[in-house]
Amino acid sequence: MDAQRRPSIRSLILFAFLTTTPGILDNLNAQGKACSLATPQELQAALGVSVSLKGQSGPGGADLCAAQTPTVSVLLRLAKRTTSPGAEAAGIEKAKQMGATVEVKTDGPITCSTLIPPKNLEQIGYNTTCSVLKNEQVAAIEVTAKTQKDMASMDALRNVAQKMAGRF
């Protein structure tokens, strides 16, 4: 696979785990709300590392809050859901066709997923995402680890997502 195609492959794989993607988000006019979805203490309990969150605007007007540690990057996102039905499933199938191992669990309005990339795509990272759909808005927590051993557990992020559900 040539270097020119890698960004589109990364985008496709990440799409498989998000209930929304930055390229298709509408503005919620909710600047700063993503950082209120989870506290640094809740994230530390879930990840086992201390994080310092920074708010920012994302593509399509999404409200984002990010943190970076030596082993993981964390992204909290709040946006209006605008994907078409079946888009997530199609993205997941595409990721599987490329050799990724994908696991998805849904419990009520919370959907969590993990992505373990194939050996040739390990540079994209090992991803765990949980999202909450509420009133056509989506709040998501995404944790990308550099190595598989540093991946966030689905259960730990689901606990954070349950708390997030009451905050937007």
N, C-alpha and C. Protein backbone atom coordinates (compact mmCIF):
# COMPACT_ATOMS: atom_id res chain seq x y z
N MET A 1 0.84 -1.17 0.00
CA MET A 1 0.00 0.00 0.00
C MET A 1 0.89 1.24 0.00
N ASP A 2 0.65 2.18 -0.89
CA ASP A 2 1.51 3.35 -0.96
C ASP A 2 1.12 4.39 0.07
N ALA A 3 2.05 5.29 0.36
CA ALA A 3 1.85 6.31 1.40
C ALA A 3 0.70 7.25 1.06
N GLN A 4 0.43 7.43 -0.24
CA GLN A 4 -0.65 8.33 -0.63
C GLN A 4 -2.01 7.81 -0.19
N ARG A 5 -2.20 6.50 -0.12
CA ARG A 5 -3.49 5.93 0.23
C ARG A 5 -3.69 5.80 1.73
N ARG A 6 -2.64 5.88 2.53
CA ARG A 6 -2.77 5.66 3.97
C ARG A 6 -3.74 6.62 4.65
N PRO A 7 -3.75 7.91 4.36
CA PRO A 7 -4.71 8.77 5.05
C PRO A 7 -6.16 8.34 4.79
N SER A 8 -6.49 7.93 3.58
CA SER A 8 -7.86 7.53 3.31
C SER A 8 -8.19 6.22 4.01
N ILE A 9 -7.24 5.32 4.14
CA ILE A 9 -7.47 4.08 4.85
C ILE A 9 -7.69 4.37 6.32
N ARG A 10 -6.86 5.24 6.90
CA ARG A 10 -7.04 5.60 8.32
C ARG A 10 -8.42 6.20 8.53
N SER A 11 -8.82 7.08 7.66
CA SER A 11 -10.14 7.70 7.79
C SER A 11 -11.24 6.65 7.72
N LEU A 12 -11.10 5.71 6.81
CA LEU A 12 -12.11 4.67 6.66
C LEU A 12 -12.19 3.81 7.91
N ILE A 13 -11.05 3.42 8.45
CA ILE A 13 -11.06 2.57 9.63
C ILE A 13 -11.64 3.32 10.83
N LEU A 14 -11.24 4.54 11.03
CA LEU A 14 -11.79 5.30 12.16
C LEU A 14 -13.29 5.51 12.00
N PHE A 15 -13.75 5.67 10.76
CA PHE A 15 -15.17 5.83 10.49
C PHE A 15 -15.96 4.64 11.02
N ALA A 16 -15.34 3.47 10.93
CA ALA A 16 -16.03 2.27 11.35
C ALA A 16 -16.37 2.26 12.83
N PHE A 17 -15.70 3.08 13.61
CA PHE A 17 -15.89 3.04 15.06
C PHE A 17 -16.59 4.25 15.61
N LEU A 18 -16.90 5.16 14.79
CA LEU A 18 -17.54 6.37 15.28
C LEU A 18 -18.98 6.38 14.82
N THR A 19 -19.86 6.79 15.64
CA THR A 19 -21.24 6.91 15.20
C THR A 19 -21.42 8.16 14.37
N THR A 20 -20.42 9.02 14.40
CA THR A 20 -20.38 10.16 13.49
C THR A 20 -18.95 10.34 13.07
N THR A 21 -18.73 11.02 11.98
CA THR A 21 -17.38 11.34 11.55
C THR A 21 -17.27 12.84 11.36
N PRO A 22 -16.08 13.41 11.61
CA PRO A 22 -15.93 14.86 11.52
C PRO A 22 -16.35 15.45 10.18
N GLY A 23 -16.19 14.74 9.09
CA GLY A 23 -16.52 15.27 7.78
C GLY A 23 -18.00 15.44 7.54
N ILE A 24 -18.84 14.83 8.35
CA ILE A 24 -20.28 14.91 8.12
C ILE A 24 -21.04 15.43 9.33
N LEU A 25 -20.37 16.17 10.14
CA LEU A 25 -21.02 16.71 11.34
C LEU A 25 -21.56 18.11 11.09
N ASP A 26 -22.69 18.39 11.69
CA ASP A 26 -23.24 19.75 11.68
C ASP A 26 -22.85 20.44 12.98
N ASN A 27 -22.79 21.75 12.93
CA ASN A 27 -22.41 22.52 14.11
C ASN A 27 -23.51 22.48 15.16
N LEU A 28 -23.13 22.18 16.38
CA LEU A 28 -24.07 22.22 17.49
C LEU A 28 -24.06 23.56 18.20
N ASN A 29 -23.15 24.44 17.82
CA ASN A 29 -22.96 25.69 18.54
C ASN A 29 -22.80 25.41 20.03
N ALA A 30 -21.99 24.41 20.32
CA ALA A 30 -21.83 23.96 21.70
C ALA A 30 -20.38 24.07 22.13
N GLN A 31 -19.71 25.12 21.74
CA GLN A 31 -18.29 25.28 22.08
C GLN A 31 -18.06 25.09 23.56
N GLY A 32 -17.09 24.26 23.88
CA GLY A 32 -16.71 24.04 25.26
C GLY A 32 -17.47 22.92 25.95
N LYS A 33 -18.54 22.43 25.37
CA LYS A 33 -19.33 21.40 26.03
C LYS A 33 -18.65 20.03 25.99
N ALA A 34 -17.83 19.76 25.01
CA ALA A 34 -17.17 18.45 24.94
C ALA A 34 -16.29 18.21 26.16
N CYS A 35 -15.62 19.24 26.63
CA CYS A 35 -14.75 19.08 27.80
C CYS A 35 -15.53 18.85 29.09
N SER A 36 -16.83 19.12 29.07
CA SER A 36 -17.64 18.87 30.26
C SER A 36 -18.29 17.48 30.23
N LEU A 37 -18.02 16.71 29.20
CA LEU A 37 -18.60 15.37 29.10
C LEU A 37 -18.00 14.39 30.10
N ALA A 38 -16.71 14.55 30.40
CA ALA A 38 -16.02 13.66 31.35
C ALA A 38 -14.97 14.47 32.10
N THR A 39 -14.75 14.12 33.33
CA THR A 39 -13.74 14.82 34.12
C THR A 39 -12.38 14.15 33.95
N PRO A 40 -11.31 14.90 34.20
CA PRO A 40 -9.98 14.27 34.15
C PRO A 40 -9.87 13.09 35.13
N GLN A 41 -10.54 13.18 36.27
CA GLN A 41 -10.51 12.09 37.25
C GLN A 41 -11.21 10.84 36.72
N GLU A 42 -12.34 11.03 36.03
CA GLU A 42 -13.04 9.89 35.43
C GLU A 42 -12.20 9.24 34.35
N LEU A 43 -11.53 10.07 33.57
CA LEU A 43 -10.67 9.54 32.51
C LEU A 43 -9.47 8.81 33.09
N GLN A 44 -8.89 9.35 34.14
CA GLN A 44 -7.76 8.69 34.78
C GLN A 44 -8.18 7.33 35.35
N ALA A 45 -9.35 7.27 35.95
CA ALA A 45 -9.84 6.00 36.49
C ALA A 45 -10.04 4.98 35.37
N ALA A 46 -10.52 5.43 34.22
CA ALA A 46 -10.77 4.52 33.10
C ALA A 46 -9.50 4.10 32.38
N LEU A 47 -8.53 5.02 32.29
CA LEU A 47 -7.34 4.78 31.48
C LEU A 47 -6.10 4.42 32.27
N GLY A 48 -6.10 4.75 33.55
CA GLY A 48 -4.92 4.48 34.36
C GLY A 48 -3.80 5.48 34.17
N VAL A 49 -4.07 6.57 33.47
CA VAL A 49 -3.08 7.64 33.28
C VAL A 49 -3.76 8.98 33.47
N SER A 50 -3.00 9.95 33.92
CA SER A 50 -3.51 11.30 34.12
C SER A 50 -3.61 12.01 32.77
N VAL A 51 -4.70 12.75 32.57
CA VAL A 51 -4.88 13.49 31.32
C VAL A 51 -5.22 14.94 31.61
N SER A 52 -4.83 15.81 30.69
CA SER A 52 -5.15 17.23 30.76
C SER A 52 -5.90 17.57 29.48
N LEU A 53 -7.17 17.94 29.60
CA LEU A 53 -8.03 18.15 28.44
C LEU A 53 -7.92 19.57 27.90
N LYS A 54 -7.99 19.69 26.57
CA LYS A 54 -7.99 20.98 25.88
C LYS A 54 -9.12 21.01 24.88
N GLY A 55 -9.97 22.02 24.97
CA GLY A 55 -11.08 22.16 24.04
C GLY A 55 -10.64 22.73 22.71
N GLN A 56 -11.39 22.38 21.67
CA GLN A 56 -11.11 22.88 20.33
C GLN A 56 -12.33 22.67 19.44
N SER A 57 -12.36 23.39 18.33
CA SER A 57 -13.41 23.18 17.34
C SER A 57 -12.89 22.18 16.33
N GLY A 58 -13.78 21.32 15.88
CA GLY A 58 -13.39 20.31 14.92
C GLY A 58 -13.98 20.58 13.56
N PRO A 59 -13.63 19.75 12.60
CA PRO A 59 -14.20 19.87 11.25
C PRO A 59 -15.72 19.78 11.31
N GLY A 60 -16.38 20.52 10.49
CA GLY A 60 -17.83 20.50 10.45
C GLY A 60 -18.48 21.15 11.65
N GLY A 61 -17.69 21.85 12.47
CA GLY A 61 -18.24 22.54 13.63
C GLY A 61 -18.40 21.66 14.86
N ALA A 62 -17.85 20.45 14.85
CA ALA A 62 -17.96 19.59 16.03
C ALA A 62 -17.21 20.23 17.19
N ASP A 63 -17.72 19.99 18.38
CA ASP A 63 -17.07 20.46 19.59
C ASP A 63 -16.19 19.32 20.08
N LEU A 64 -14.89 19.57 20.20
CA LEU A 64 -13.93 18.54 20.56
C LEU A 64 -13.17 18.92 21.81
N CYS A 65 -12.67 17.91 22.49
CA CYS A 65 -11.83 18.09 23.65
C CYS A 65 -10.80 16.97 23.60
N ALA A 66 -9.52 17.31 23.63
CA ALA A 66 -8.49 16.30 23.40
C ALA A 66 -7.45 16.30 24.51
N ALA A 67 -6.81 15.16 24.66
CA ALA A 67 -5.71 14.99 25.58
C ALA A 67 -4.72 14.01 24.96
N GLN A 68 -3.46 14.20 25.28
CA GLN A 68 -2.40 13.33 24.75
C GLN A 68 -1.51 12.90 25.91
N THR A 69 -1.22 11.60 25.98
CA THR A 69 -0.26 11.08 26.96
C THR A 69 0.81 10.34 26.15
N PRO A 70 1.86 9.89 26.80
CA PRO A 70 2.86 9.13 26.05
C PRO A 70 2.32 7.85 25.41
N THR A 71 1.23 7.29 25.96
CA THR A 71 0.74 6.01 25.44
C THR A 71 -0.59 6.07 24.70
N VAL A 72 -1.42 7.09 24.99
CA VAL A 72 -2.73 7.18 24.35
C VAL A 72 -3.09 8.62 24.01
N SER A 73 -3.96 8.74 23.03
CA SER A 73 -4.60 10.03 22.77
C SER A 73 -6.09 9.85 23.05
N VAL A 74 -6.69 10.90 23.61
CA VAL A 74 -8.10 10.85 24.01
C VAL A 74 -8.82 11.97 23.27
N LEU A 75 -10.00 11.65 22.75
CA LEU A 75 -10.81 12.65 22.08
C LEU A 75 -12.24 12.53 22.58
N LEU A 76 -12.76 13.61 23.13
CA LEU A 76 -14.18 13.70 23.48
C LEU A 76 -14.83 14.55 22.39
N ARG A 77 -16.00 14.13 21.95
CA ARG A 77 -16.65 14.83 20.84
C ARG A 77 -18.13 14.98 21.13
N LEU A 78 -18.69 16.13 20.77
CA LEU A 78 -20.12 16.38 20.87
C LEU A 78 -20.57 16.98 19.55
N ALA A 79 -21.57 16.36 18.93
CA ALA A 79 -22.00 16.81 17.61
C ALA A 79 -23.43 16.35 17.33
N LYS A 80 -23.99 16.91 16.29
CA LYS A 80 -25.29 16.47 15.82
C LYS A 80 -25.07 15.28 14.89
N ARG A 81 -25.86 14.24 15.06
CA ARG A 81 -25.71 13.06 14.21
C ARG A 81 -26.32 13.32 12.85
N THR A 82 -25.54 13.08 11.81
CA THR A 82 -26.03 13.30 10.46
C THR A 82 -25.74 12.14 9.53
N THR A 83 -25.26 11.01 10.04
CA THR A 83 -24.97 9.88 9.18
C THR A 83 -26.25 9.19 8.74
N SER A 84 -26.18 8.53 7.59
CA SER A 84 -27.33 7.79 7.11
C SER A 84 -27.36 6.40 7.74
N PRO A 85 -28.53 5.82 7.86
CA PRO A 85 -28.63 4.48 8.44
C PRO A 85 -27.75 3.50 7.66
N GLY A 86 -27.04 2.67 8.39
CA GLY A 86 -26.19 1.67 7.75
C GLY A 86 -24.78 2.13 7.43
N ALA A 87 -24.49 3.41 7.59
CA ALA A 87 -23.16 3.92 7.25
C ALA A 87 -22.09 3.32 8.15
N GLU A 88 -22.40 3.20 9.44
CA GLU A 88 -21.42 2.64 10.38
C GLU A 88 -21.13 1.19 10.04
N ALA A 89 -22.18 0.40 9.78
CA ALA A 89 -22.00 -1.02 9.46
C ALA A 89 -21.17 -1.19 8.20
N ALA A 90 -21.37 -0.34 7.22
CA ALA A 90 -20.59 -0.42 5.99
C ALA A 90 -19.12 -0.11 6.26
N GLY A 91 -18.86 0.87 7.10
CA GLY A 91 -17.48 1.20 7.46
C GLY A 91 -16.81 0.07 8.21
N ILE A 92 -17.54 -0.57 9.10
CA ILE A 92 -16.99 -1.70 9.86
C ILE A 92 -16.64 -2.85 8.92
N GLU A 93 -17.53 -3.14 7.99
CA GLU A 93 -17.26 -4.22 7.04
C GLU A 93 -16.02 -3.92 6.20
N LYS A 94 -15.87 -2.68 5.79
CA LYS A 94 -14.70 -2.28 5.00
C LYS A 94 -13.43 -2.46 5.82
N ALA A 95 -13.46 -2.08 7.10
CA ALA A 95 -12.30 -2.24 7.97
C ALA A 95 -11.95 -3.72 8.12
N LYS A 96 -12.96 -4.57 8.28
CA LYS A 96 -12.72 -6.01 8.38
C LYS A 96 -12.11 -6.56 7.10
N GLN A 97 -12.59 -6.08 5.96
CA GLN A 97 -12.05 -6.52 4.67
C GLN A 97 -10.57 -6.16 4.53
N MET A 98 -10.16 -5.08 5.20
CA MET A 98 -8.75 -4.66 5.15
C MET A 98 -7.91 -5.41 6.17
N GLY A 99 -8.54 -6.30 6.95
CA GLY A 99 -7.79 -7.11 7.88
C GLY A 99 -7.87 -6.68 9.34
N ALA A 100 -8.64 -5.66 9.64
CA ALA A 100 -8.77 -5.19 11.02
C ALA A 100 -9.68 -6.14 11.80
N THR A 101 -9.41 -6.27 13.08
CA THR A 101 -10.29 -7.00 13.98
C THR A 101 -11.20 -5.98 14.65
N VAL A 102 -12.48 -6.17 14.50
CA VAL A 102 -13.46 -5.20 14.97
C VAL A 102 -14.44 -5.89 15.92
N GLU A 103 -14.69 -5.25 17.04
CA GLU A 103 -15.71 -5.73 17.97
C GLU A 103 -16.63 -4.56 18.29
N VAL A 104 -17.93 -4.79 18.23
CA VAL A 104 -18.91 -3.75 18.52
C VAL A 104 -19.93 -4.30 19.50
N LYS A 105 -20.24 -3.52 20.54
CA LYS A 105 -21.27 -3.88 21.51
C LYS A 105 -22.18 -2.68 21.71
N THR A 106 -23.48 -2.94 21.68
CA THR A 106 -24.47 -1.89 21.90
C THR A 106 -25.30 -2.24 23.11
N ASP A 107 -25.50 -1.24 23.96
CA ASP A 107 -26.31 -1.40 25.16
C ASP A 107 -27.18 -0.15 25.27
N GLY A 108 -28.43 -0.25 24.83
CA GLY A 108 -29.31 0.91 24.81
C GLY A 108 -28.75 1.97 23.87
N PRO A 109 -28.62 3.21 24.35
CA PRO A 109 -28.12 4.28 23.47
C PRO A 109 -26.59 4.32 23.36
N ILE A 110 -25.89 3.41 24.06
CA ILE A 110 -24.43 3.42 24.05
C ILE A 110 -23.89 2.33 23.14
N THR A 111 -23.03 2.73 22.23
CA THR A 111 -22.34 1.79 21.35
C THR A 111 -20.85 1.93 21.58
N CYS A 112 -20.20 0.79 21.83
CA CYS A 112 -18.75 0.77 22.02
C CYS A 112 -18.12 -0.14 20.99
N SER A 113 -16.91 0.19 20.62
CA SER A 113 -16.21 -0.62 19.62
C SER A 113 -14.72 -0.59 19.86
N THR A 114 -14.08 -1.62 19.37
CA THR A 114 -12.61 -1.66 19.36
C THR A 114 -12.16 -1.98 17.95
N LEU A 115 -11.00 -1.48 17.62
CA LEU A 115 -10.37 -1.77 16.33
C LEU A 115 -8.93 -2.16 16.61
N ILE A 116 -8.56 -3.34 16.16
CA ILE A 116 -7.18 -3.78 16.20
C ILE A 116 -6.75 -3.86 14.74
N PRO A 117 -5.83 -2.99 14.33
CA PRO A 117 -5.45 -2.96 12.91
C PRO A 117 -4.61 -4.18 12.53
N PRO A 118 -4.58 -4.49 11.24
CA PRO A 118 -3.68 -5.55 10.80
C PRO A 118 -2.23 -5.07 10.95
N LYS A 119 -1.31 -6.00 10.93
CA LYS A 119 0.11 -5.70 11.14
C LYS A 119 0.58 -4.55 10.24
N ASN A 120 0.17 -4.55 8.98
CA ASN A 120 0.66 -3.52 8.04
C ASN A 120 0.06 -2.14 8.27
N LEU A 121 -0.92 -2.03 9.18
CA LEU A 121 -1.54 -0.73 9.47
C LEU A 121 -1.44 -0.36 10.95
N GLU A 122 -0.53 -0.98 11.68
CA GLU A 122 -0.41 -0.70 13.12
C GLU A 122 -0.15 0.77 13.43
N GLN A 123 0.42 1.51 12.50
CA GLN A 123 0.74 2.91 12.74
C GLN A 123 -0.51 3.77 12.96
N ILE A 124 -1.69 3.28 12.58
CA ILE A 124 -2.91 4.07 12.82
C ILE A 124 -3.35 3.98 14.27
N GLY A 125 -2.85 3.00 15.00
CA GLY A 125 -3.15 2.87 16.41
C GLY A 125 -4.27 1.88 16.68
N TYR A 126 -4.42 1.58 17.95
CA TYR A 126 -5.41 0.63 18.45
C TYR A 126 -6.51 1.44 19.12
N ASN A 127 -7.72 1.33 18.60
CA ASN A 127 -8.78 2.25 18.95
C ASN A 127 -9.90 1.62 19.76
N THR A 128 -10.35 2.33 20.78
CA THR A 128 -11.56 1.99 21.52
C THR A 128 -12.42 3.24 21.56
N THR A 129 -13.68 3.09 21.19
CA THR A 129 -14.60 4.23 21.15
C THR A 129 -15.92 3.83 21.78
N CYS A 130 -16.50 4.73 22.54
CA CYS A 130 -17.88 4.58 23.01
C CYS A 130 -18.62 5.86 22.69
N SER A 131 -19.84 5.71 22.20
CA SER A 131 -20.64 6.88 21.88
C SER A 131 -22.04 6.71 22.45
N VAL A 132 -22.67 7.85 22.69
CA VAL A 132 -24.02 7.89 23.23
C VAL A 132 -24.87 8.71 22.27
N LEU A 133 -25.97 8.13 21.82
CA LEU A 133 -26.91 8.86 20.96
C LEU A 133 -28.09 9.30 21.82
N LYS A 134 -28.36 10.61 21.79
CA LYS A 134 -29.44 11.17 22.60
C LYS A 134 -30.02 12.38 21.87
N ASN A 135 -31.29 12.31 21.54
CA ASN A 135 -31.96 13.43 20.87
C ASN A 135 -31.21 13.89 19.62
N GLU A 136 -30.78 12.92 18.81
CA GLU A 136 -30.04 13.18 17.55
C GLU A 136 -28.71 13.88 17.77
N GLN A 137 -28.23 13.90 19.00
CA GLN A 137 -26.88 14.37 19.30
C GLN A 137 -26.05 13.16 19.68
N VAL A 138 -24.76 13.24 19.39
CA VAL A 138 -23.85 12.16 19.73
C VAL A 138 -22.71 12.71 20.56
N ALA A 139 -22.48 12.07 21.69
CA ALA A 139 -21.30 12.34 22.50
C ALA A 139 -20.44 11.09 22.40
N ALA A 140 -19.15 11.28 22.16
CA ALA A 140 -18.28 10.11 22.00
C ALA A 140 -16.97 10.33 22.73
N ILE A 141 -16.42 9.22 23.21
CA ILE A 141 -15.07 9.21 23.75
C ILE A 141 -14.29 8.21 22.91
N GLU A 142 -13.17 8.65 22.39
CA GLU A 142 -12.32 7.82 21.55
C GLU A 142 -10.92 7.81 22.16
N VAL A 143 -10.37 6.62 22.35
CA VAL A 143 -9.03 6.47 22.89
C VAL A 143 -8.23 5.65 21.88
N THR A 144 -7.13 6.23 21.42
CA THR A 144 -6.26 5.54 20.48
C THR A 144 -4.92 5.32 21.15
N ALA A 145 -4.52 4.05 21.21
CA ALA A 145 -3.26 3.67 21.85
C ALA A 145 -2.22 3.33 20.78
N LYS A 146 -0.97 3.54 21.14
CA LYS A 146 0.12 3.22 20.21
C LYS A 146 0.36 1.72 20.12
N THR A 147 0.05 1.01 21.20
CA THR A 147 0.25 -0.44 21.22
C THR A 147 -1.01 -1.12 21.71
N GLN A 148 -1.17 -2.38 21.36
CA GLN A 148 -2.35 -3.13 21.76
C GLN A 148 -2.43 -3.26 23.28
N LYS A 149 -1.30 -3.41 23.95
CA LYS A 149 -1.32 -3.58 25.41
C LYS A 149 -1.82 -2.33 26.12
N ASP A 150 -1.75 -1.17 25.47
CA ASP A 150 -2.21 0.08 26.07
C ASP A 150 -3.64 0.46 25.69
N MET A 151 -4.34 -0.42 24.97
CA MET A 151 -5.72 -0.13 24.57
C MET A 151 -6.61 0.06 25.79
N ALA A 152 -7.55 0.97 25.67
CA ALA A 152 -8.57 1.15 26.71
C ALA A 152 -9.58 0.02 26.59
N SER A 153 -10.08 -0.44 27.73
CA SER A 153 -11.08 -1.50 27.67
C SER A 153 -12.44 -0.90 27.32
N MET A 154 -13.24 -1.71 26.64
CA MET A 154 -14.59 -1.29 26.29
C MET A 154 -15.41 -1.03 27.55
N ASP A 155 -15.26 -1.88 28.56
CA ASP A 155 -16.02 -1.71 29.81
C ASP A 155 -15.69 -0.40 30.50
N ALA A 156 -14.40 -0.06 30.55
CA ALA A 156 -13.98 1.19 31.21
C ALA A 156 -14.56 2.40 30.48
N LEU A 157 -14.52 2.39 29.13
CA LEU A 157 -15.06 3.52 28.38
C LEU A 157 -16.59 3.54 28.43
N ARG A 158 -17.23 2.38 28.50
CA ARG A 158 -18.68 2.34 28.62
C ARG A 158 -19.10 3.03 29.92
N ASN A 159 -18.35 2.81 30.99
CA ASN A 159 -18.66 3.49 32.27
C ASN A 159 -18.58 5.00 32.11
N VAL A 160 -17.56 5.48 31.39
CA VAL A 160 -17.44 6.92 31.14
C VAL A 160 -18.62 7.39 30.28
N ALA A 161 -18.95 6.63 29.25
CA ALA A 161 -20.06 7.01 28.35
C ALA A 161 -21.39 7.08 29.11
N GLN A 162 -21.59 6.21 30.08
CA GLN A 162 -22.83 6.25 30.87
C GLN A 162 -22.92 7.59 31.63
N LYS A 163 -21.80 8.06 32.14
CA LYS A 163 -21.78 9.36 32.83
C LYS A 163 -21.99 10.49 31.83
N MET A 164 -21.37 10.36 30.66
CA MET A 164 -21.52 11.39 29.62
C MET A 164 -22.97 11.57 29.22
N ALA A 165 -23.73 10.47 29.22
CA ALA A 165 -25.12 10.52 28.76
C ALA A 165 -25.97 11.51 29.55
N GLY A 166 -25.64 11.74 30.81
CA GLY A 166 -26.39 12.69 31.61
C GLY A 166 -25.89 14.11 31.53
N ARG A 167 -24.87 14.35 30.69
CA ARG A 167 -24.24 15.67 30.67
C ARG A 167 -24.46 16.45 29.37
N PHE A 168 -25.30 15.93 28.50
CA PHE A 168 -25.61 16.71 27.29
C PHE A 168 -27.07 16.53 26.93
